[in-house]
Amino acid sequence: MADLKILAVDDSATMRRILKNTLSRAGYTDVVEAEDGVDAWAKLQAGGFNFIITDWNMPNMSGLEFVNAVRESEQFKTIPIIMVTTRSVKDDIIAAMKAGANNYVVKPFTPDTLKEKIASVLASL
């Protein structure tokens, strides 16, 4: 399933680079970066994405707000989403899943963890 077009959303340029490199090593090379939920929403409108990996804590539009917007959209509501964040409190994980995230990865994470989470989400579709 390396033909995924992934939208990687994080306000940290360093984290976006880490995500992109990690995804590339896992065989996912079609990755577009967005710096926050507003930027991600605009890029999502351009189309072609079939997977989203988003941070939670971002300015302008948080990852949780972005997930809610995607899930409320008829056009995008079925795109799988993984929330990647430093927020590891159980209530936060529950909130992300209730908002519509398909899975949750706590930073810092290993490349294998991210690859396993993507595979798990894809297998459940």
Protein backbone atom coordinates (compact mmCIF):
# COMPACT_ATOMS: atom_id res chain seq x y z
CA MET A 1 0.00 0.00 0.00
CA ALA A 2 2.97 2.27 -0.63
CA ASP A 3 0.85 4.20 -3.13
CA LEU A 4 -0.75 6.21 -0.33
CA LYS A 5 -0.74 9.99 -0.65
CA ILE A 6 -0.22 11.14 2.92
CA LEU A 7 -0.84 14.59 4.39
CA ALA A 8 1.59 15.12 7.29
CA VAL A 9 0.47 17.96 9.57
CA ASP A 10 2.70 19.41 12.30
CA ASP A 11 3.66 22.95 13.27
CA SER A 12 7.26 21.85 13.85
CA ALA A 13 9.34 21.78 10.67
CA THR A 14 11.70 19.33 12.40
CA MET A 15 8.86 16.97 13.27
CA ARG A 16 7.50 17.15 9.71
CA ARG A 17 10.95 16.22 8.41
CA ILE A 18 11.15 13.30 10.88
CA LEU A 19 7.68 12.15 9.82
CA LYS A 20 8.55 12.43 6.14
CA ASN A 21 11.83 10.52 6.57
CA THR A 22 10.16 7.85 8.72
CA LEU A 23 7.38 7.39 6.18
CA SER A 24 9.87 7.25 3.33
CA ARG A 25 11.83 4.47 5.08
CA ALA A 26 8.53 2.62 5.52
CA GLY A 27 7.90 2.84 1.78
CA TYR A 28 5.53 5.80 1.75
CA THR A 29 7.12 8.42 -0.49
CA ASP A 30 4.13 10.54 -1.55
CA VAL A 31 3.99 12.83 1.50
CA VAL A 32 2.82 16.44 1.51
CA GLU A 33 3.56 18.63 4.53
CA ALA A 34 1.23 21.13 6.22
CA GLU A 35 2.19 23.42 9.11
CA ASP A 36 -1.17 23.57 10.91
CA GLY A 37 -4.81 22.63 10.52
CA VAL A 38 -5.61 25.67 8.36
CA ASP A 39 -2.77 24.85 5.94
CA ALA A 40 -3.77 21.17 6.01
CA TRP A 41 -7.41 21.97 5.25
CA ALA A 42 -6.37 24.07 2.24
CA LYS A 43 -4.10 21.30 0.94
CA LEU A 44 -6.79 18.69 1.55
CA GLN A 45 -9.14 20.71 -0.67
CA ALA A 46 -6.63 20.35 -3.51
CA GLY A 47 -7.39 16.65 -3.31
CA GLY A 48 -5.77 13.31 -3.87
CA PHE A 49 -5.01 12.43 -0.25
CA ASN A 50 -5.93 9.05 1.15
CA PHE A 51 -4.26 9.19 4.58
CA ILE A 52 -3.66 11.92 7.20
CA ILE A 53 -1.14 12.03 10.03
CA THR A 54 -1.65 15.06 12.25
CA ASP A 55 -0.21 16.61 15.39
CA TRP A 56 -2.63 17.78 18.09
CA ASN A 57 -1.01 20.97 19.46
CA MET A 58 -0.81 23.52 16.65
CA PRO A 59 -1.64 27.22 16.23
CA ASN A 60 -4.55 28.51 14.10
CA MET A 61 -6.39 25.18 14.01
CA SER A 62 -5.46 22.34 16.36
CA GLY A 63 -5.20 18.76 15.24
CA LEU A 64 -8.40 17.94 17.11
CA GLU A 65 -10.25 20.78 15.33
CA PHE A 66 -8.79 19.56 12.02
CA VAL A 67 -9.94 15.98 12.67
CA ASN A 68 -13.42 17.28 13.49
CA ALA A 69 -13.49 19.32 10.25
CA VAL A 70 -12.41 16.31 8.18
CA ARG A 71 -15.00 14.04 9.80
CA GLU A 72 -17.78 16.61 9.28
CA SER A 73 -16.97 16.87 5.56
CA GLU A 74 -18.86 14.57 3.20
CA GLN A 75 -15.92 14.71 0.81
CA PHE A 76 -13.18 13.73 3.27
CA LYS A 77 -14.90 11.95 6.17
CA THR A 78 -13.63 8.48 5.23
CA ILE A 79 -9.92 9.38 4.99
CA PRO A 80 -8.01 7.48 7.71
CA ILE A 81 -6.35 9.71 10.32
CA ILE A 82 -3.60 9.01 12.83
CA MET A 83 -3.06 11.57 15.59
CA VAL A 84 0.62 11.93 16.52
CA THR A 85 1.19 13.93 19.70
CA THR A 86 2.97 14.31 23.01
CA ARG A 87 -0.42 14.16 24.76
CA SER A 88 -0.49 10.73 26.38
CA VAL A 89 -3.26 11.21 28.96
CA LYS A 90 -6.02 8.63 28.55
CA ASP A 91 -8.70 11.35 28.31
CA ASP A 92 -6.84 12.96 25.38
CA ILE A 93 -6.59 9.64 23.55
CA ILE A 94 -10.32 9.08 24.09
CA ALA A 95 -11.07 12.64 22.85
CA ALA A 96 -9.03 12.07 19.68
CA MET A 97 -10.75 8.76 18.98
CA LYS A 98 -14.20 10.29 19.63
CA ALA A 99 -13.35 13.11 17.21
CA GLY A 100 -12.67 10.49 14.56
CA ALA A 101 -8.98 9.64 14.65
CA ASN A 102 -8.45 6.03 13.55
CA ASN A 103 -5.38 5.59 15.73
CA TYR A 104 -3.04 7.47 18.05
CA VAL A 105 0.76 7.61 18.34
CA VAL A 106 2.54 9.24 21.27
CA LYS A 107 5.76 11.17 20.57
CA PRO A 108 8.54 10.21 20.63
CA PHE A 109 7.82 7.16 18.51
CA THR A 110 9.91 4.68 16.57
CA PRO A 111 9.65 4.20 12.80
CA ASP A 112 8.35 0.68 13.48
CA THR A 113 5.58 2.01 15.72
CA LEU A 114 4.37 4.43 13.05
CA LYS A 115 4.56 1.76 10.35
CA GLU A 116 2.59 -0.68 12.54
CA LYS A 117 -0.09 1.93 13.30
CA ILE A 118 -0.52 2.75 9.59
CA ALA A 119 -0.75 -0.98 8.75
CA SER A 120 -3.29 -1.48 11.54
CA VAL A 121 -5.48 1.38 10.29
CA LEU A 122 -5.30 0.18 6.69
CA ALA A 123 -6.14 -3.40 7.73
CA SER A 124 -9.25 -2.19 9.56
CA LEU A 125 -10.69 -0.37 6.53
